[in-house]
């Protein structure tokens, strides 16, 4: 099995209306731009968080650490700058990024 690289962005909002604005931007155009820049897929998860806060994780998979490095070098600076221009931390937003190697994935079997 080929080892892939997972890149996760965790984002927490103090204001639910700012979270809705961010979700609209994320879905169109941001996710498509990251996919066009080398990610193989994207997954959006809303975590259980007491209201009014909202917390999300966006997880991208890249074919390898090298593919992610190309994304970080050639595309991430522009995409991150665009996101921070629209959604700066001063709007009550916290960001956290992490990366790691995907060691495996499993599917349930029916039978």
C-alpha atoms as a PDB file:
ATOM      1  CA  UNK A   1       0.000   0.000   0.000  1.00  0.00           C
ATOM      2  CA  UNK A   2       1.291   3.450  -0.887  1.00  0.00           C
ATOM      3  CA  UNK A   3       1.738   5.777   2.063  1.00  0.00           C
ATOM      4  CA  UNK A   4      -0.191   9.005   1.686  1.00  0.00           C
ATOM      5  CA  UNK A   5       0.136  12.283   3.533  1.00  0.00           C
ATOM      6  CA  UNK A   6      -2.817  13.638   5.506  1.00  0.00           C
ATOM      7  CA  UNK A   7      -3.027  17.385   6.031  1.00  0.00           C
ATOM      8  CA  UNK A   8      -5.593  18.559   8.581  1.00  0.00           C
ATOM      9  CA  UNK A   9      -6.755  22.090   9.245  1.00  0.00           C
ATOM     10  CA  UNK A  10      -8.749  22.577  12.458  1.00  0.00           C
ATOM     11  CA  UNK A  11     -10.749  25.808  12.662  1.00  0.00           C
ATOM     12  CA  UNK A  12     -12.785  27.112  15.591  1.00  0.00           C
ATOM     13  CA  UNK A  13     -15.222  30.025  15.443  1.00  0.00           C
ATOM     14  CA  UNK A  14     -16.602  32.114  18.290  1.00  0.00           C
ATOM     15  CA  UNK A  15     -19.395  33.442  16.045  1.00  0.00           C
ATOM     16  CA  UNK A  16     -21.684  31.014  14.185  1.00  0.00           C
ATOM     17  CA  UNK A  17     -22.423  33.565  11.446  1.00  0.00           C
ATOM     18  CA  UNK A  18     -18.707  33.854  10.651  1.00  0.00           C
ATOM     19  CA  UNK A  19     -18.567  30.049  10.512  1.00  0.00           C
ATOM     20  CA  UNK A  20     -21.397  30.025   7.942  1.00  0.00           C
ATOM     21  CA  UNK A  21     -19.587  32.617   5.838  1.00  0.00           C
ATOM     22  CA  UNK A  22     -16.380  30.530   6.019  1.00  0.00           C
ATOM     23  CA  UNK A  23     -18.229  27.328   5.057  1.00  0.00           C
ATOM     24  CA  UNK A  24     -19.678  28.992   1.946  1.00  0.00           C
ATOM     25  CA  UNK A  25     -16.202  30.163   0.892  1.00  0.00           C
ATOM     26  CA  UNK A  26     -14.621  26.807   1.732  1.00  0.00           C
ATOM     27  CA  UNK A  27     -17.119  24.883  -0.399  1.00  0.00           C
ATOM     28  CA  UNK A  28     -16.797  27.286  -3.323  1.00  0.00           C
ATOM     29  CA  UNK A  29     -14.056  28.004  -4.308  1.00  0.00           C
ATOM     30  CA  UNK A  30     -11.426  26.964  -1.745  1.00  0.00           C
ATOM     31  CA  UNK A  31     -11.790  23.157  -1.643  1.00  0.00           C
ATOM     32  CA  UNK A  32     -11.686  22.974  -5.439  1.00  0.00           C
ATOM     33  CA  UNK A  33      -8.535  25.108  -5.495  1.00  0.00           C
ATOM     34  CA  UNK A  34      -6.735  22.821  -3.030  1.00  0.00           C
ATOM     35  CA  UNK A  35      -7.819  19.754  -5.016  1.00  0.00           C
ATOM     36  CA  UNK A  36      -6.592  21.381  -8.235  1.00  0.00           C
ATOM     37  CA  UNK A  37      -3.287  22.106  -6.469  1.00  0.00           C
ATOM     38  CA  UNK A  38      -2.478  18.477  -5.675  1.00  0.00           C
ATOM     39  CA  UNK A  39      -4.779  17.085  -2.994  1.00  0.00           C
ATOM     40  CA  UNK A  40      -6.373  13.761  -3.909  1.00  0.00           C
ATOM     41  CA  UNK A  41      -9.492  14.271  -1.803  1.00  0.00           C
ATOM     42  CA  UNK A  42     -10.973  16.439   0.921  1.00  0.00           C
ATOM     43  CA  UNK A  43     -13.187  15.700   3.897  1.00  0.00           C
ATOM     44  CA  UNK A  44     -15.074  18.278   5.985  1.00  0.00           C
ATOM     45  CA  UNK A  45     -16.098  17.392   9.544  1.00  0.00           C
ATOM     46  CA  UNK A  46     -18.032  19.502  12.026  1.00  0.00           C
ATOM     47  CA  UNK A  47     -16.976  18.537  15.528  1.00  0.00           C
ATOM     48  CA  UNK A  48     -19.342  18.461  18.463  1.00  0.00           C
ATOM     49  CA  UNK A  49     -18.845  21.789  20.218  1.00  0.00           C
ATOM     50  CA  UNK A  50     -21.054  23.636  22.720  1.00  0.00           C
ATOM     51  CA  UNK A  51     -22.983  26.514  21.097  1.00  0.00           C
ATOM     52  CA  UNK A  52     -22.358  29.218  20.070  1.00  0.00           C
ATOM     53  CA  UNK A  53     -18.865  28.053  19.121  1.00  0.00           C
ATOM     54  CA  UNK A  54     -18.394  25.921  16.022  1.00  0.00           C
ATOM     55  CA  UNK A  55     -15.359  23.784  15.241  1.00  0.00           C
ATOM     56  CA  UNK A  56     -14.401  22.041  12.010  1.00  0.00           C
ATOM     57  CA  UNK A  57     -11.657  19.858  10.611  1.00  0.00           C
ATOM     58  CA  UNK A  58     -10.793  19.801   6.943  1.00  0.00           C
ATOM     59  CA  UNK A  59      -8.657  16.811   6.013  1.00  0.00           C
ATOM     60  CA  UNK A  60      -6.851  16.535   2.701  1.00  0.00           C
ATOM     61  CA  UNK A  61      -4.889  13.553   1.403  1.00  0.00           C
ATOM     62  CA  UNK A  62      -1.847  13.904  -0.837  1.00  0.00           C
ATOM     63  CA  UNK A  63      -0.160  11.043  -2.702  1.00  0.00           C
ATOM     64  CA  UNK A  64       3.034  11.436  -0.654  1.00  0.00           C
ATOM     65  CA  UNK A  65       4.929  13.770   1.646  1.00  0.00           C
ATOM     66  CA  UNK A  66       6.771  14.980  -1.465  1.00  0.00           C
ATOM     67  CA  UNK A  67       3.457  15.858  -3.156  1.00  0.00           C
ATOM     68  CA  UNK A  68       2.394  17.767  -0.044  1.00  0.00           C
ATOM     69  CA  UNK A  69       5.756  19.592  -0.019  1.00  0.00           C
ATOM     70  CA  UNK A  70       5.100  20.751  -3.591  1.00  0.00           C
ATOM     71  CA  UNK A  71       1.654  21.977  -2.520  1.00  0.00           C
ATOM     72  CA  UNK A  72       3.141  23.842   0.462  1.00  0.00           C
ATOM     73  CA  UNK A  73       5.848  25.429  -1.660  1.00  0.00           C
ATOM     74  CA  UNK A  74       3.890  26.305  -4.804  1.00  0.00           C
ATOM     75  CA  UNK A  75       0.264  26.806  -3.750  1.00  0.00           C
ATOM     76  CA  UNK A  76      -0.296  27.016   0.013  1.00  0.00           C
ATOM     77  CA  UNK A  77       1.183  30.507   0.534  1.00  0.00           C
ATOM     78  CA  UNK A  78      -1.315  32.072  -1.899  1.00  0.00           C
ATOM     79  CA  UNK A  79      -4.291  30.007  -0.712  1.00  0.00           C
ATOM     80  CA  UNK A  80      -3.555  30.653   2.963  1.00  0.00           C
ATOM     81  CA  UNK A  81      -3.107  34.382   2.345  1.00  0.00           C
ATOM     82  CA  UNK A  82      -6.477  34.523   0.574  1.00  0.00           C
ATOM     83  CA  UNK A  83      -8.140  32.714   3.462  1.00  0.00           C
ATOM     84  CA  UNK A  84      -6.549  34.905   6.128  1.00  0.00           C
ATOM     85  CA  UNK A  85      -7.494  38.065   4.229  1.00  0.00           C
ATOM     86  CA  UNK A  86     -11.168  37.012   4.373  1.00  0.00           C
ATOM     87  CA  UNK A  87     -11.064  35.310   7.763  1.00  0.00           C
ATOM     88  CA  UNK A  88      -8.368  36.853   9.987  1.00  0.00           C
ATOM     89  CA  UNK A  89      -7.952  35.674  13.565  1.00  0.00           C
ATOM     90  CA  UNK A  90      -9.335  39.039  14.704  1.00  0.00           C
ATOM     91  CA  UNK A  91     -12.780  37.767  13.666  1.00  0.00           C
ATOM     92  CA  UNK A  92     -12.701  35.260  16.524  1.00  0.00           C
ATOM     93  CA  UNK A  93     -11.178  32.396  14.546  1.00  0.00           C
ATOM     94  CA  UNK A  94      -8.469  29.968  15.656  1.00  0.00           C
ATOM     95  CA  UNK A  95      -6.515  27.826  13.202  1.00  0.00           C
ATOM     96  CA  UNK A  96      -4.372  24.755  13.802  1.00  0.00           C
ATOM     97  CA  UNK A  97      -2.610  22.691  11.141  1.00  0.00           C
ATOM     98  CA  UNK A  98      -1.147  19.198  11.333  1.00  0.00           C
ATOM     99  CA  UNK A  99       0.256  16.615   8.945  1.00  0.00           C
ATOM    100  CA  UNK A 100       0.932  12.925   9.198  1.00  0.00           C
ATOM    101  CA  UNK A 101       1.394   9.690   7.298  1.00  0.00           C
ATOM    102  CA  UNK A 102      -1.695   7.579   6.628  1.00  0.00           C
ATOM    103  CA  UNK A 103      -0.746   4.102   7.801  1.00  0.00           C
ATOM    104  CA  UNK A 104      -3.913   2.421   6.617  1.00  0.00           C
ATOM    105  CA  UNK A 105      -7.653   2.642   6.206  1.00  0.00           C
ATOM    106  CA  UNK A 106     -10.359   0.060   6.617  1.00  0.00           C
ATOM    107  CA  UNK A 107     -13.895  -0.456   5.367  1.00  0.00           C
ATOM    108  CA  UNK A 108     -16.624  -2.437   7.074  1.00  0.00           C
ATOM    109  CA  UNK A 109     -17.574  -5.661   5.388  1.00  0.00           C
ATOM    110  CA  UNK A 110     -21.159  -6.783   5.031  1.00  0.00           C
ATOM    111  CA  UNK A 111     -22.146 -10.285   5.038  1.00  0.00           C
END
